[in-house]
Amino acid sequence: MKTAFAIFMTIHGLIHLLGFLKAFQLADIKDFKRPISRQAGIFWMISFILVISAVNLYLAGNSYYIGFGFTAILISQVLIIGAWEDAKYGTIPNIIFAILLLLSFQ
């Protein structure tokens, strides 16, 4: 289960990286119909870093993953709302991630 969670969240984090790549025109991502500003691209990168950090902290057994995770979810969801047409389905992994984080409180 731990590995499945890590893989799931890593994939979600990599999708955030696509927002950064599109914003800085480092990749031509045709699935994103709306333009992404460079400022938004920075936040897509920050959310990517936070998600990947949360995954690594989780795998290392460090409880700081909870704070990183919730911060990543917050930033991610704000970005998703701002790009709703292209990113609305990102809400689903955010909800799953939030539930798993809540369940991990001991």
PDB file of N, CA and C in Angstrom:
ATOM      1  N   MET A   1       0.828  -1.193   0.000  1.00  0.00           N
ATOM      2  CA  MET A   1       0.000   0.000   0.000  1.00  0.00           C
ATOM      3  C   MET A   1       0.875   1.261   0.000  1.00  0.00           C
ATOM      4  N   LYS A   2       1.963   1.211   0.769  1.00  0.00           N
ATOM      5  CA  LYS A   2       2.873   2.351   0.851  1.00  0.00           C
ATOM      6  C   LYS A   2       3.462   2.666  -0.523  1.00  0.00           C
ATOM      7  N   THR A   3       3.845   1.630  -1.240  1.00  0.00           N
ATOM      8  CA  THR A   3       4.427   1.811  -2.566  1.00  0.00           C
ATOM      9  C   THR A   3       3.385   2.333  -3.554  1.00  0.00           C
ATOM     10  N   ALA A   4       2.175   1.804  -3.489  1.00  0.00           N
ATOM     11  CA  ALA A   4       1.106   2.259  -4.389  1.00  0.00           C
ATOM     12  C   ALA A   4       0.819   3.740  -4.170  1.00  0.00           C
ATOM     13  N   PHE A   5       0.763   4.152  -2.913  1.00  0.00           N
ATOM     14  CA  PHE A   5       0.542   5.557  -2.587  1.00  0.00           C
ATOM     15  C   PHE A   5       1.667   6.411  -3.160  1.00  0.00           C
ATOM     16  N   ALA A   6       2.900   5.966  -2.980  1.00  0.00           N
ATOM     17  CA  ALA A   6       4.058   6.725  -3.468  1.00  0.00           C
ATOM     18  C   ALA A   6       4.029   6.854  -4.990  1.00  0.00           C
ATOM     19  N   ILE A   7       3.700   5.783  -5.676  1.00  0.00           N
ATOM     20  CA  ILE A   7       3.638   5.821  -7.141  1.00  0.00           C
ATOM     21  C   ILE A   7       2.517   6.754  -7.605  1.00  0.00           C
ATOM     22  N   PHE A   8       1.349   6.610  -6.997  1.00  0.00           N
ATOM     23  CA  PHE A   8       0.187   7.437  -7.333  1.00  0.00           C
ATOM     24  C   PHE A   8       0.513   8.916  -7.171  1.00  0.00           C
ATOM     25  N   MET A   9       1.110   9.277  -6.059  1.00  0.00           N
ATOM     26  CA  MET A   9       1.408  10.681  -5.799  1.00  0.00           C
ATOM     27  C   MET A   9       2.559  11.187  -6.660  1.00  0.00           C
ATOM     28  N   THR A  10       3.513  10.334  -6.974  1.00  0.00           N
ATOM     29  CA  THR A  10       4.605  10.738  -7.862  1.00  0.00           C
ATOM     30  C   THR A  10       4.063  11.075  -9.247  1.00  0.00           C
ATOM     31  N   ILE A  11       3.154  10.250  -9.742  1.00  0.00           N
ATOM     32  CA  ILE A  11       2.533  10.530 -11.043  1.00  0.00           C
ATOM     33  C   ILE A  11       1.779  11.857 -10.986  1.00  0.00           C
ATOM     34  N   HIS A  12       1.038  12.069  -9.913  1.00  0.00           N
ATOM     35  CA  HIS A  12       0.302  13.331  -9.753  1.00  0.00           C
ATOM     36  C   HIS A  12       1.283  14.515  -9.717  1.00  0.00           C
ATOM     37  N   GLY A  13       2.390  14.346  -9.018  1.00  0.00           N
ATOM     38  CA  GLY A  13       3.408  15.397  -8.969  1.00  0.00           C
ATOM     39  C   GLY A  13       3.998  15.691 -10.341  1.00  0.00           C
ATOM     40  N   LEU A  14       4.226  14.645 -11.121  1.00  0.00           N
ATOM     41  CA  LEU A  14       4.780  14.835 -12.461  1.00  0.00           C
ATOM     42  C   LEU A  14       3.813  15.599 -13.364  1.00  0.00           C
ATOM     43  N   ILE A  15       2.523  15.411 -13.144  1.00  0.00           N
ATOM     44  CA  ILE A  15       1.536  16.178 -13.906  1.00  0.00           C
ATOM     45  C   ILE A  15       1.654  17.664 -13.560  1.00  0.00           C
ATOM     46  N   HIS A  16       1.949  17.970 -12.299  1.00  0.00           N
ATOM     47  CA  HIS A  16       2.172  19.372 -11.910  1.00  0.00           C
ATOM     48  C   HIS A  16       3.377  19.935 -12.653  1.00  0.00           C
ATOM     49  N   LEU A  17       4.376  19.118 -12.837  1.00  0.00           N
ATOM     50  CA  LEU A  17       5.570  19.555 -13.557  1.00  0.00           C
ATOM     51  C   LEU A  17       5.224  19.978 -14.988  1.00  0.00           C
ATOM     52  N   LEU A  18       4.226  19.334 -15.580  1.00  0.00           N
ATOM     53  CA  LEU A  18       3.809  19.700 -16.934  1.00  0.00           C
ATOM     54  C   LEU A  18       3.331  21.150 -17.000  1.00  0.00           C
ATOM     55  N   GLY A  19       2.660  21.606 -15.940  1.00  0.00           N
ATOM     56  CA  GLY A  19       2.219  23.004 -15.892  1.00  0.00           C
ATOM     57  C   GLY A  19       3.398  23.960 -15.952  1.00  0.00           C
ATOM     58  N   PHE A  20       4.461  23.622 -15.238  1.00  0.00           N
ATOM     59  CA  PHE A  20       5.677  24.442 -15.270  1.00  0.00           C
ATOM     60  C   PHE A  20       6.296  24.424 -16.665  1.00  0.00           C
ATOM     61  N   LEU A  21       6.408  23.241 -17.245  1.00  0.00           N
ATOM     62  CA  LEU A  21       7.023  23.117 -18.566  1.00  0.00           C
ATOM     63  C   LEU A  21       6.254  23.907 -19.619  1.00  0.00           C
ATOM     64  N   LYS A  22       4.931  23.867 -19.543  1.00  0.00           N
ATOM     65  CA  LYS A  22       4.118  24.630 -20.502  1.00  0.00           C
ATOM     66  C   LYS A  22       4.293  26.133 -20.290  1.00  0.00           C
ATOM     67  N   ALA A  23       4.289  26.566 -19.036  1.00  0.00           N
ATOM     68  CA  ALA A  23       4.398  28.000 -18.738  1.00  0.00           C
ATOM     69  C   ALA A  23       5.696  28.588 -19.279  1.00  0.00           C
ATOM     70  N   PHE A  24       6.761  27.833 -19.206  1.00  0.00           N
ATOM     71  CA  PHE A  24       8.063  28.325 -19.656  1.00  0.00           C
ATOM     72  C   PHE A  24       8.408  27.834 -21.063  1.00  0.00           C
ATOM     73  N   GLN A  25       7.414  27.285 -21.739  1.00  0.00           N
ATOM     74  CA  GLN A  25       7.549  26.803 -23.113  1.00  0.00           C
ATOM     75  C   GLN A  25       8.732  25.854 -23.277  1.00  0.00           C
ATOM     76  N   LEU A  26       8.914  24.986 -22.284  1.00  0.00           N
ATOM     77  CA  LEU A  26       9.964  23.974 -22.341  1.00  0.00           C
ATOM     78  C   LEU A  26       9.454  22.689 -22.984  1.00  0.00           C
ATOM     79  N   ALA A  27       8.139  22.609 -23.142  1.00  0.00           N
ATOM     80  CA  ALA A  27       7.515  21.468 -23.806  1.00  0.00           C
ATOM     81  C   ALA A  27       6.207  21.946 -24.425  1.00  0.00           C
ATOM     82  N   ASP A  28       5.862  21.354 -25.548  1.00  0.00           N
ATOM     83  CA  ASP A  28       4.596  21.677 -26.203  1.00  0.00           C
ATOM     84  C   ASP A  28       3.561  20.664 -25.721  1.00  0.00           C
ATOM     85  N   ILE A  29       2.717  21.097 -24.811  1.00  0.00           N
ATOM     86  CA  ILE A  29       1.733  20.205 -24.203  1.00  0.00           C
ATOM     87  C   ILE A  29       0.367  20.589 -24.753  1.00  0.00           C
ATOM     88  N   LYS A  30      -0.089  19.820 -25.707  1.00  0.00           N
ATOM     89  CA  LYS A  30      -1.328  20.144 -26.411  1.00  0.00           C
ATOM     90  C   LYS A  30      -2.573  19.848 -25.576  1.00  0.00           C
ATOM     91  N   ASP A  31      -2.448  19.014 -24.558  1.00  0.00           N
ATOM     92  CA  ASP A  31      -3.603  18.688 -23.716  1.00  0.00           C
ATOM     93  C   ASP A  31      -4.044  19.872 -22.867  1.00  0.00           C
ATOM     94  N   PHE A  32      -3.151  20.825 -22.640  1.00  0.00           N
ATOM     95  CA  PHE A  32      -3.505  22.029 -21.892  1.00  0.00           C
ATOM     96  C   PHE A  32      -3.914  23.086 -22.909  1.00  0.00           C
ATOM     97  N   LYS A  33      -5.190  23.362 -22.971  1.00  0.00           N
ATOM     98  CA  LYS A  33      -5.705  24.290 -23.979  1.00  0.00           C
ATOM     99  C   LYS A  33      -5.440  25.749 -23.628  1.00  0.00           C
ATOM    100  N   ARG A  34      -5.519  26.070 -22.352  1.00  0.00           N
ATOM    101  CA  ARG A  34      -5.346  27.458 -21.912  1.00  0.00           C
ATOM    102  C   ARG A  34      -3.865  27.760 -21.698  1.00  0.00           C
ATOM    103  N   PRO A  35      -3.460  28.991 -21.976  1.00  0.00           N
ATOM    104  CA  PRO A  35      -2.070  29.367 -21.678  1.00  0.00           C
ATOM    105  C   PRO A  35      -1.846  29.408 -20.166  1.00  0.00           C
ATOM    106  N   ILE A  36      -0.614  29.182 -19.772  1.00  0.00           N
ATOM    107  CA  ILE A  36      -0.238  29.238 -18.357  1.00  0.00           C
ATOM    108  C   ILE A  36       0.811  30.331 -18.217  1.00  0.00           C
ATOM    109  N   SER A  37       0.547  31.285 -17.335  1.00  0.00           N
ATOM    110  CA  SER A  37       1.505  32.374 -17.128  1.00  0.00           C
ATOM    111  C   SER A  37       2.760  31.838 -16.442  1.00  0.00           C
ATOM    112  N   ARG A  38       3.830  32.594 -16.539  1.00  0.00           N
ATOM    113  CA  ARG A  38       5.068  32.182 -15.866  1.00  0.00           C
ATOM    114  C   ARG A  38       4.895  32.167 -14.352  1.00  0.00           C
ATOM    115  N   GLN A  39       4.110  33.113 -13.830  1.00  0.00           N
ATOM    116  CA  GLN A  39       3.863  33.136 -12.382  1.00  0.00           C
ATOM    117  C   GLN A  39       3.138  31.863 -11.955  1.00  0.00           C
ATOM    118  N   ALA A  40       2.119  31.478 -12.718  1.00  0.00           N
ATOM    119  CA  ALA A  40       1.413  30.234 -12.409  1.00  0.00           C
ATOM    120  C   ALA A  40       2.357  29.048 -12.579  1.00  0.00           C
ATOM    121  N   GLY A  41       3.225  29.117 -13.581  1.00  0.00           N
ATOM    122  CA  GLY A  41       4.192  28.044 -13.802  1.00  0.00           C
ATOM    123  C   GLY A  41       5.103  27.832 -12.603  1.00  0.00           C
ATOM    124  N   ILE A  42       5.502  28.927 -11.964  1.00  0.00           N
ATOM    125  CA  ILE A  42       6.326  28.825 -10.748  1.00  0.00           C
ATOM    126  C   ILE A  42       5.555  28.070  -9.669  1.00  0.00           C
ATOM    127  N   PHE A  43       4.272  28.382  -9.528  1.00  0.00           N
ATOM    128  CA  PHE A  43       3.467  27.694  -8.515  1.00  0.00           C
ATOM    129  C   PHE A  43       3.226  26.229  -8.879  1.00  0.00           C
ATOM    130  N   TRP A  44       3.125  25.921 -10.175  1.00  0.00           N
ATOM    131  CA  TRP A  44       3.038  24.513 -10.574  1.00  0.00           C
ATOM    132  C   TRP A  44       4.327  23.786 -10.169  1.00  0.00           C
ATOM    133  N   MET A  45       5.477  24.454 -10.330  1.00  0.00           N
ATOM    134  CA  MET A  45       6.751  23.845  -9.922  1.00  0.00           C
ATOM    135  C   MET A  45       6.811  23.684  -8.409  1.00  0.00           C
ATOM    136  N   ILE A  46       6.366  24.691  -7.673  1.00  0.00           N
ATOM    137  CA  ILE A  46       6.362  24.597  -6.206  1.00  0.00           C
ATOM    138  C   ILE A  46       5.487  23.434  -5.760  1.00  0.00           C
ATOM    139  N   SER A  47       4.322  23.290  -6.379  1.00  0.00           N
ATOM    140  CA  SER A  47       3.446  22.185  -5.986  1.00  0.00           C
ATOM    141  C   SER A  47       4.086  20.842  -6.339  1.00  0.00           C
ATOM    142  N   PHE A  48       4.785  20.776  -7.473  1.00  0.00           N
ATOM    143  CA  PHE A  48       5.516  19.554  -7.832  1.00  0.00           C
ATOM    144  C   PHE A  48       6.552  19.219  -6.762  1.00  0.00           C
ATOM    145  N   ILE A  49       7.344  20.208  -6.381  1.00  0.00           N
ATOM    146  CA  ILE A  49       8.389  19.992  -5.370  1.00  0.00           C
ATOM    147  C   ILE A  49       7.775  19.550  -4.045  1.00  0.00           C
ATOM    148  N   LEU A  50       6.672  20.170  -3.656  1.00  0.00           N
ATOM    149  CA  LEU A  50       6.018  19.802  -2.395  1.00  0.00           C
ATOM    150  C   LEU A  50       5.465  18.380  -2.437  1.00  0.00           C
ATOM    151  N   VAL A  51       4.841  18.002  -3.548  1.00  0.00           N
ATOM    152  CA  VAL A  51       4.298  16.641  -3.662  1.00  0.00           C
ATOM    153  C   VAL A  51       5.429  15.622  -3.607  1.00  0.00           C
ATOM    154  N   ILE A  52       6.478  15.842  -4.374  1.00  0.00           N
ATOM    155  CA  ILE A  52       7.600  14.895  -4.399  1.00  0.00           C
ATOM    156  C   ILE A  52       8.294  14.859  -3.036  1.00  0.00           C
ATOM    157  N   SER A  53       8.416  16.007  -2.385  1.00  0.00           N
ATOM    158  CA  SER A  53       9.002  16.041  -1.039  1.00  0.00           C
ATOM    159  C   SER A  53       8.139  15.264  -0.059  1.00  0.00           C
ATOM    160  N   ALA A  54       6.824  15.436  -0.148  1.00  0.00           N
ATOM    161  CA  ALA A  54       5.913  14.701   0.737  1.00  0.00           C
ATOM    162  C   ALA A  54       6.060  13.198   0.528  1.00  0.00           C
ATOM    163  N   VAL A  55       6.160  12.776  -0.721  1.00  0.00           N
ATOM    164  CA  VAL A  55       6.330  11.347  -1.015  1.00  0.00           C
ATOM    165  C   VAL A  55       7.636  10.835  -0.420  1.00  0.00           C
ATOM    166  N   ASN A  56       8.719  11.576  -0.626  1.00  0.00           N
ATOM    167  CA  ASN A  56      10.015  11.140  -0.097  1.00  0.00           C
ATOM    168  C   ASN A  56      10.024  11.103   1.428  1.00  0.00           C
ATOM    169  N   LEU A  57       9.425  12.107   2.058  1.00  0.00           N
ATOM    170  CA  LEU A  57       9.348  12.117   3.522  1.00  0.00           C
ATOM    171  C   LEU A  57       8.494  10.956   4.025  1.00  0.00           C
ATOM    172  N   TYR A  58       7.412  10.670   3.324  1.00  0.00           N
ATOM    173  CA  TYR A  58       6.544   9.544   3.682  1.00  0.00           C
ATOM    174  C   TYR A  58       7.317   8.231   3.615  1.00  0.00           C
ATOM    175  N   LEU A  59       8.038   8.034   2.519  1.00  0.00           N
ATOM    176  CA  LEU A  59       8.813   6.798   2.360  1.00  0.00           C
ATOM    177  C   LEU A  59       9.931   6.689   3.390  1.00  0.00           C
ATOM    178  N   ALA A  60      10.453   7.837   3.824  1.00  0.00           N
ATOM    179  CA  ALA A  60      11.521   7.848   4.828  1.00  0.00           C
ATOM    180  C   ALA A  60      10.983   7.708   6.248  1.00  0.00           C
ATOM    181  N   GLY A  61       9.664   7.748   6.397  1.00  0.00           N
ATOM    182  CA  GLY A  61       9.074   7.625   7.729  1.00  0.00           C
ATOM    183  C   GLY A  61       9.108   8.916   8.531  1.00  0.00           C
ATOM    184  N   ASN A  62       9.299  10.033   7.864  1.00  0.00           N
ATOM    185  CA  ASN A  62       9.356  11.329   8.529  1.00  0.00           C
ATOM    186  C   ASN A  62       7.959  11.945   8.544  1.00  0.00           C
ATOM    187  N   SER A  63       7.477  12.305   9.717  1.00  0.00           N
ATOM    188  CA  SER A  63       6.101  12.802   9.838  1.00  0.00           C
ATOM    189  C   SER A  63       5.886  14.178   9.213  1.00  0.00           C
ATOM    190  N   TYR A  64       6.937  14.852   8.805  1.00  0.00           N
ATOM    191  CA  TYR A  64       6.773  16.146   8.134  1.00  0.00           C
ATOM    192  C   TYR A  64       6.044  16.009   6.795  1.00  0.00           C
ATOM    193  N   TYR A  65       5.926  14.785   6.295  1.00  0.00           N
ATOM    194  CA  TYR A  65       5.231  14.594   5.026  1.00  0.00           C
ATOM    195  C   TYR A  65       3.793  15.111   5.098  1.00  0.00           C
ATOM    196  N   ILE A  66       3.203  15.101   6.284  1.00  0.00           N
ATOM    197  CA  ILE A  66       1.819  15.557   6.432  1.00  0.00           C
ATOM    198  C   ILE A  66       1.714  17.051   6.115  1.00  0.00           C
ATOM    199  N   GLY A  67       2.603  17.857   6.673  1.00  0.00           N
ATOM    200  CA  GLY A  67       2.591  19.294   6.400  1.00  0.00           C
ATOM    201  C   GLY A  67       2.893  19.603   4.947  1.00  0.00           C
ATOM    202  N   PHE A  68       3.896  18.921   4.400  1.00  0.00           N
ATOM    203  CA  PHE A  68       4.227  19.119   2.992  1.00  0.00           C
ATOM    204  C   PHE A  68       3.047  18.709   2.118  1.00  0.00           C
ATOM    205  N   GLY A  69       2.423  17.607   2.484  1.00  0.00           N
ATOM    206  CA  GLY A  69       1.296  17.102   1.703  1.00  0.00           C
ATOM    207  C   GLY A  69       0.117  18.056   1.687  1.00  0.00           C
ATOM    208  N   PHE A  70      -0.283  18.544   2.859  1.00  0.00           N
ATOM    209  CA  PHE A  70      -1.425  19.461   2.904  1.00  0.00           C
ATOM    210  C   PHE A  70      -1.115  20.791   2.214  1.00  0.00           C
ATOM    211  N   THR A  71       0.120  21.254   2.325  1.00  0.00           N
ATOM    212  CA  THR A  71       0.507  22.480   1.623  1.00  0.00           C
ATOM    213  C   THR A  71       0.450  22.258   0.113  1.00  0.00           C
ATOM    214  N   ALA A  72       0.931  21.104  -0.325  1.00  0.00           N
ATOM    215  CA  ALA A  72       0.882  20.767  -1.753  1.00  0.00           C
ATOM    216  C   ALA A  72      -0.557  20.709  -2.247  1.00  0.00           C
ATOM    217  N   ILE A  73      -1.438  20.105  -1.459  1.00  0.00           N
ATOM    218  CA  ILE A  73      -2.849  20.006  -1.850  1.00  0.00           C
ATOM    219  C   ILE A  73      -3.465  21.392  -1.977  1.00  0.00           C
ATOM    220  N   LEU A  74      -3.188  22.251  -1.028  1.00  0.00           N
ATOM    221  CA  LEU A  74      -3.751  23.604  -1.050  1.00  0.00           C
ATOM    222  C   LEU A  74      -3.319  24.362  -2.307  1.00  0.00           C
ATOM    223  N   ILE A  75      -2.024  24.374  -2.570  1.00  0.00           N
ATOM    224  CA  ILE A  75      -1.513  25.076  -3.755  1.00  0.00           C
ATOM    225  C   ILE A  75      -2.049  24.427  -5.025  1.00  0.00           C
ATOM    226  N   SER A  76      -2.030  23.105  -5.051  1.00  0.00           N
ATOM    227  CA  SER A  76      -2.519  22.377  -6.212  1.00  0.00           C
ATOM    228  C   SER A  76      -3.974  22.709  -6.508  1.00  0.00           C
ATOM    229  N   GLN A  77      -4.794  22.724  -5.483  1.00  0.00           N
ATOM    230  CA  GLN A  77      -6.218  22.966  -5.708  1.00  0.00           C
ATOM    231  C   GLN A  77      -6.484  24.397  -6.171  1.00  0.00           C
ATOM    232  N   VAL A  78      -5.735  25.347  -5.647  1.00  0.00           N
ATOM    233  CA  VAL A  78      -5.874  26.731  -6.123  1.00  0.00           C
ATOM    234  C   VAL A  78      -5.498  26.807  -7.609  1.00  0.00           C
ATOM    235  N   LEU A  79      -4.423  26.134  -7.994  1.00  0.00           N
ATOM    236  CA  LEU A  79      -4.013  26.113  -9.400  1.00  0.00           C
ATOM    237  C   LEU A  79      -5.059  25.426 -10.270  1.00  0.00           C
ATOM    238  N   ILE A  80      -5.616  24.337  -9.767  1.00  0.00           N
ATOM    239  CA  ILE A  80      -6.641  23.605 -10.516  1.00  0.00           C
ATOM    240  C   ILE A  80      -7.865  24.488 -10.747  1.00  0.00           C
ATOM    241  N   ILE A  81      -8.284  25.199  -9.714  1.00  0.00           N
ATOM    242  CA  ILE A  81      -9.441  26.091  -9.857  1.00  0.00           C
ATOM    243  C   ILE A  81      -9.151  27.171 -10.901  1.00  0.00           C
ATOM    244  N   GLY A  82      -7.930  27.668 -10.915  1.00  0.00           N
ATOM    245  CA  GLY A  82      -7.549  28.686 -11.889  1.00  0.00           C
ATOM    246  C   GLY A  82      -7.473  28.176 -13.319  1.00  0.00           C
ATOM    247  N   ALA A  83      -7.288  26.881 -13.483  1.00  0.00           N
ATOM    248  CA  ALA A  83      -7.203  26.276 -14.818  1.00  0.00           C
ATOM    249  C   ALA A  83      -8.239  25.157 -14.926  1.00  0.00           C
ATOM    250  N   TRP A  84      -9.432  25.430 -14.445  1.00  0.00           N
ATOM    251  CA  TRP A  84     -10.461  24.399 -14.268  1.00  0.00           C
ATOM    252  C   TRP A  84     -10.720  23.587 -15.534  1.00  0.00           C
ATOM    253  N   GLU A  85     -10.820  24.238 -16.672  1.00  0.00           N
ATOM    254  CA  GLU A  85     -11.131  23.530 -17.917  1.00  0.00           C
ATOM    255  C   GLU A  85     -10.109  22.426 -18.214  1.00  0.00           C
ATOM    256  N   ASP A  86      -8.851  22.713 -17.983  1.00  0.00           N
ATOM    257  CA  ASP A  86      -7.786  21.755 -18.278  1.00  0.00           C
ATOM    258  C   ASP A  86      -7.467  20.826 -17.113  1.00  0.00           C
ATOM    259  N   ALA A  87      -7.680  21.284 -15.890  1.00  0.00           N
ATOM    260  CA  ALA A  87      -7.124  20.572 -14.732  1.00  0.00           C
ATOM    261  C   ALA A  87      -8.151  20.046 -13.738  1.00  0.00           C
ATOM    262  N   LYS A  88      -9.429  20.137 -14.040  1.00  0.00           N
ATOM    263  CA  LYS A  88     -10.452  19.800 -13.045  1.00  0.00           C
ATOM    264  C   LYS A  88     -10.316  18.392 -12.480  1.00  0.00           C
ATOM    265  N   TYR A  89      -9.849  17.452 -13.278  1.00  0.00           N
ATOM    266  CA  TYR A  89      -9.735  16.077 -12.788  1.00  0.00           C
ATOM    267  C   TYR A  89      -8.595  15.900 -11.794  1.00  0.00           C
ATOM    268  N   GLY A  90      -7.745  16.900 -11.667  1.00  0.00           N
ATOM    269  CA  GLY A  90      -6.707  16.870 -10.638  1.00  0.00           C
ATOM    270  C   GLY A  90      -7.276  16.968  -9.238  1.00  0.00           C
ATOM    271  N   THR A  91      -8.533  17.390  -9.131  1.00  0.00           N
ATOM    272  CA  THR A  91      -9.190  17.454  -7.826  1.00  0.00           C
ATOM    273  C   THR A  91      -9.337  16.058  -7.224  1.00  0.00           C
ATOM    274  N   ILE A  92      -9.550  15.060  -8.069  1.00  0.00           N
ATOM    275  CA  ILE A  92      -9.747  13.689  -7.573  1.00  0.00           C
ATOM    276  C   ILE A  92      -8.516  13.189  -6.824  1.00  0.00           C
ATOM    277  N   PRO A  93      -7.305  13.239  -7.414  1.00  0.00           N
ATOM    278  CA  PRO A  93      -6.146  12.799  -6.633  1.00  0.00           C
ATOM    279  C   PRO A  93      -5.896  13.671  -5.409  1.00  0.00           C
ATOM    280  N   ASN A  94      -6.229  14.965  -5.490  1.00  0.00           N
ATOM    281  CA  ASN A  94      -6.068  15.822  -4.312  1.00  0.00           C
ATOM    282  C   ASN A  94      -6.970  15.356  -3.176  1.00  0.00           C
ATOM    283  N   ILE A  95      -8.201  14.991  -3.492  1.00  0.00           N
ATOM    284  CA  ILE A  95      -9.117  14.490  -2.460  1.00  0.00           C
ATOM    285  C   ILE A  95      -8.597  13.182  -1.884  1.00  0.00           C
ATOM    286  N   ILE A  96      -8.155  12.285  -2.751  1.00  0.00           N
ATOM    287  CA  ILE A  96      -7.608  11.001  -2.281  1.00  0.00           C
ATOM    288  C   ILE A  96      -6.388  11.244  -1.404  1.00  0.00           C
ATOM    289  N   PHE A  97      -5.499  12.128  -1.839  1.00  0.00           N
ATOM    290  CA  PHE A  97      -4.293  12.469  -1.086  1.00  0.00           C
ATOM    291  C   PHE A  97      -4.673  13.033   0.282  1.00  0.00           C
ATOM    292  N   ALA A  98      -5.659  13.930   0.315  1.00  0.00           N
ATOM    293  CA  ALA A  98      -6.096  14.531   1.585  1.00  0.00           C
ATOM    294  C   ALA A  98      -6.676  13.475   2.523  1.00  0.00           C
ATOM    295  N   ILE A  99      -7.480  12.574   1.989  1.00  0.00           N
ATOM    296  CA  ILE A  99      -8.057  11.505   2.821  1.00  0.00           C
ATOM    297  C   ILE A  99      -6.958  10.629   3.394  1.00  0.00           C
ATOM    298  N   LEU A 100      -6.000  10.254   2.557  1.00  0.00           N
ATOM    299  CA  LEU A 100      -4.900   9.412   3.039  1.00  0.00           C
ATOM    300  C   LEU A 100      -4.066  10.138   4.092  1.00  0.00           C
ATOM    301  N   LEU A 101      -3.853  11.423   3.905  1.00  0.00           N
ATOM    302  CA  LEU A 101      -3.113  12.191   4.914  1.00  0.00           C
ATOM    303  C   LEU A 101      -3.890  12.249   6.222  1.00  0.00           C
ATOM    304  N   LEU A 102      -5.197  12.475   6.136  1.00  0.00           N
ATOM    305  CA  LEU A 102      -6.021  12.508   7.352  1.00  0.00           C
ATOM    306  C   LEU A 102      -6.015  11.160   8.064  1.00  0.00           C
ATOM    307  N   LEU A 103      -6.062  10.079   7.297  1.00  0.00           N
ATOM    308  CA  LEU A 103      -6.045   8.740   7.892  1.00  0.00           C
ATOM    309  C   LEU A 103      -4.693   8.397   8.509  1.00  0.00           C
ATOM    310  N   SER A 104      -3.646   9.078   8.061  1.00  0.00           N
ATOM    311  CA  SER A 104      -2.309   8.757   8.568  1.00  0.00           C
ATOM    312  C   SER A 104      -2.015   9.400   9.920  1.00  0.00           C
ATOM    313  N   PHE A 105      -2.870  10.341  10.362  1.00  0.00           N
ATOM    314  CA  PHE A 105      -2.683  10.923  11.698  1.00  0.00           C
ATOM    315  C   PHE A 105      -2.807   9.820  12.742  1.00  0.00           C
ATOM    316  N   GLN A 106      -1.857   9.796  13.663  1.00  0.00           N
ATOM    317  CA  GLN A 106      -1.904   8.759  14.710  1.00  0.00           C
ATOM    318  C   GLN A 106      -1.886   9.372  16.071  1.00  0.00           C
TER     319      GLN A 106
END
